[in-house]
C-alpha atoms as a PDB file:
ATOM      1  CA  UNK A   1       4.509 -30.140  -3.329  1.00  0.00           C
ATOM      2  CA  UNK A   2       6.202 -26.984  -2.087  1.00  0.00           C
ATOM      3  CA  UNK A   3       7.935 -26.833   1.227  1.00  0.00           C
ATOM      4  CA  UNK A   4       6.875 -24.361   3.868  1.00  0.00           C
ATOM      5  CA  UNK A   5       9.883 -22.179   3.091  1.00  0.00           C
ATOM      6  CA  UNK A   6       9.089 -22.157  -0.640  1.00  0.00           C
ATOM      7  CA  UNK A   7       5.475 -21.192   0.116  1.00  0.00           C
ATOM      8  CA  UNK A   8       6.696 -18.377   2.430  1.00  0.00           C
ATOM      9  CA  UNK A   9       9.091 -17.186  -0.255  1.00  0.00           C
ATOM     10  CA  UNK A  10       6.146 -17.145  -2.707  1.00  0.00           C
ATOM     11  CA  UNK A  11       4.045 -15.166  -0.178  1.00  0.00           C
ATOM     12  CA  UNK A  12       6.839 -12.638   0.203  1.00  0.00           C
ATOM     13  CA  UNK A  13       6.969 -12.069  -3.516  1.00  0.00           C
ATOM     14  CA  UNK A  14       3.145 -11.719  -3.667  1.00  0.00           C
ATOM     15  CA  UNK A  15       3.172  -9.210  -0.841  1.00  0.00           C
ATOM     16  CA  UNK A  16       5.867  -7.145  -2.628  1.00  0.00           C
ATOM     17  CA  UNK A  17       3.737  -7.187  -5.792  1.00  0.00           C
ATOM     18  CA  UNK A  18       0.711  -6.080  -3.817  1.00  0.00           C
ATOM     19  CA  UNK A  19       2.748  -3.311  -2.131  1.00  0.00           C
ATOM     20  CA  UNK A  20       3.864  -2.103  -5.498  1.00  0.00           C
ATOM     21  CA  UNK A  21       0.311  -2.016  -6.872  1.00  0.00           C
ATOM     22  CA  UNK A  22      -0.998  -0.171  -3.848  1.00  0.00           C
ATOM     23  CA  UNK A  23       1.912   2.300  -3.950  1.00  0.00           C
ATOM     24  CA  UNK A  24       1.043   3.095  -7.559  1.00  0.00           C
ATOM     25  CA  UNK A  25      -2.625   3.649  -6.561  1.00  0.00           C
ATOM     26  CA  UNK A  26      -1.549   5.840  -3.651  1.00  0.00           C
ATOM     27  CA  UNK A  27       0.745   7.909  -5.892  1.00  0.00           C
ATOM     28  CA  UNK A  28      -2.052   8.416  -8.439  1.00  0.00           C
ATOM     29  CA  UNK A  29      -4.447   9.488  -5.728  1.00  0.00           C
ATOM     30  CA  UNK A  30      -1.872  11.834  -4.225  1.00  0.00           C
ATOM     31  CA  UNK A  31      -1.162  13.414  -7.621  1.00  0.00           C
ATOM     32  CA  UNK A  32      -4.859  13.848  -8.310  1.00  0.00           C
ATOM     33  CA  UNK A  33      -5.362  15.482  -4.959  1.00  0.00           C
ATOM     34  CA  UNK A  34      -2.382  17.817  -5.427  1.00  0.00           C
ATOM     35  CA  UNK A  35      -3.655  18.831  -8.865  1.00  0.00           C
ATOM     36  CA  UNK A  36      -7.053  19.877  -7.493  1.00  0.00           C
ATOM     37  CA  UNK A  37      -7.688  23.527  -6.691  1.00  0.00           C
ATOM     38  CA  UNK A  38      -7.078  24.203  -3.006  1.00  0.00           C
ATOM     39  CA  UNK A  39     -10.801  24.863  -2.447  1.00  0.00           C
ATOM     40  CA  UNK A  40     -11.600  21.345  -3.620  1.00  0.00           C
ATOM     41  CA  UNK A  41      -8.727  19.792  -1.654  1.00  0.00           C
ATOM     42  CA  UNK A  42     -10.452  21.087   1.497  1.00  0.00           C
ATOM     43  CA  UNK A  43     -13.847  19.888   0.354  1.00  0.00           C
ATOM     44  CA  UNK A  44     -15.461  16.587   1.454  1.00  0.00           C
ATOM     45  CA  UNK A  45     -14.155  14.971  -1.743  1.00  0.00           C
ATOM     46  CA  UNK A  46     -10.583  16.159  -1.076  1.00  0.00           C
ATOM     47  CA  UNK A  47     -10.787  15.000   2.512  1.00  0.00           C
ATOM     48  CA  UNK A  48     -12.044  11.612   1.393  1.00  0.00           C
ATOM     49  CA  UNK A  49      -9.149  11.310  -1.045  1.00  0.00           C
ATOM     50  CA  UNK A  50      -6.689  12.138   1.762  1.00  0.00           C
ATOM     51  CA  UNK A  51      -8.284   9.429   3.910  1.00  0.00           C
ATOM     52  CA  UNK A  52      -7.758   6.928   1.087  1.00  0.00           C
ATOM     53  CA  UNK A  53      -4.054   7.966   0.853  1.00  0.00           C
ATOM     54  CA  UNK A  54      -3.683   7.643   4.621  1.00  0.00           C
ATOM     55  CA  UNK A  55      -5.266   4.159   4.657  1.00  0.00           C
ATOM     56  CA  UNK A  56      -3.000   3.041   1.803  1.00  0.00           C
ATOM     57  CA  UNK A  57       0.026   4.226   3.760  1.00  0.00           C
ATOM     58  CA  UNK A  58      -1.239   2.240   6.770  1.00  0.00           C
ATOM     59  CA  UNK A  59      -1.705  -0.863   4.627  1.00  0.00           C
ATOM     60  CA  UNK A  60       1.785  -0.480   3.140  1.00  0.00           C
ATOM     61  CA  UNK A  61       3.212  -0.285   6.640  1.00  0.00           C
ATOM     62  CA  UNK A  62       1.355  -3.421   7.701  1.00  0.00           C
ATOM     63  CA  UNK A  63       2.418  -5.315   4.603  1.00  0.00           C
ATOM     64  CA  UNK A  64       6.070  -4.283   5.257  1.00  0.00           C
ATOM     65  CA  UNK A  65       5.749  -5.609   8.815  1.00  0.00           C
ATOM     66  CA  UNK A  66       4.263  -8.834   7.490  1.00  0.00           C
ATOM     67  CA  UNK A  67       7.106  -9.301   5.078  1.00  0.00           C
ATOM     68  CA  UNK A  68       9.710  -8.585   7.761  1.00  0.00           C
ATOM     69  CA  UNK A  69       8.063 -11.278   9.906  1.00  0.00           C
ATOM     70  CA  UNK A  70       8.048 -13.711   7.039  1.00  0.00           C
ATOM     71  CA  UNK A  71      11.741 -13.033   6.379  1.00  0.00           C
ATOM     72  CA  UNK A  72      12.353 -13.983  10.050  1.00  0.00           C
ATOM     73  CA  UNK A  73      10.618 -17.295   9.530  1.00  0.00           C
ATOM     74  CA  UNK A  74      12.542 -18.270   6.381  1.00  0.00           C
END
C-alpha cells in the first residue's frame, strides 16, 4: 500500500502528463487558428477556436496551481 506522500507524488506526475497533453492540444489549435485566413479567424468558428485556446490556458494555470499546492504538502 502506498503512503500518502507516494500517492501525492504519483498525482503530481499525472498532472504534469495531463498538462503536457493539454499543452500539445492548445498548440495544435493555436497553429490551426493562425493558419486560417484572417476572415475565417474572425468568424464564429475562429472565435470558438480562440475560446478553446483560452480555456486550455486557464486549465493549465489551474493545474499548475494544483501541482504547486501538492508540492507544499509533500
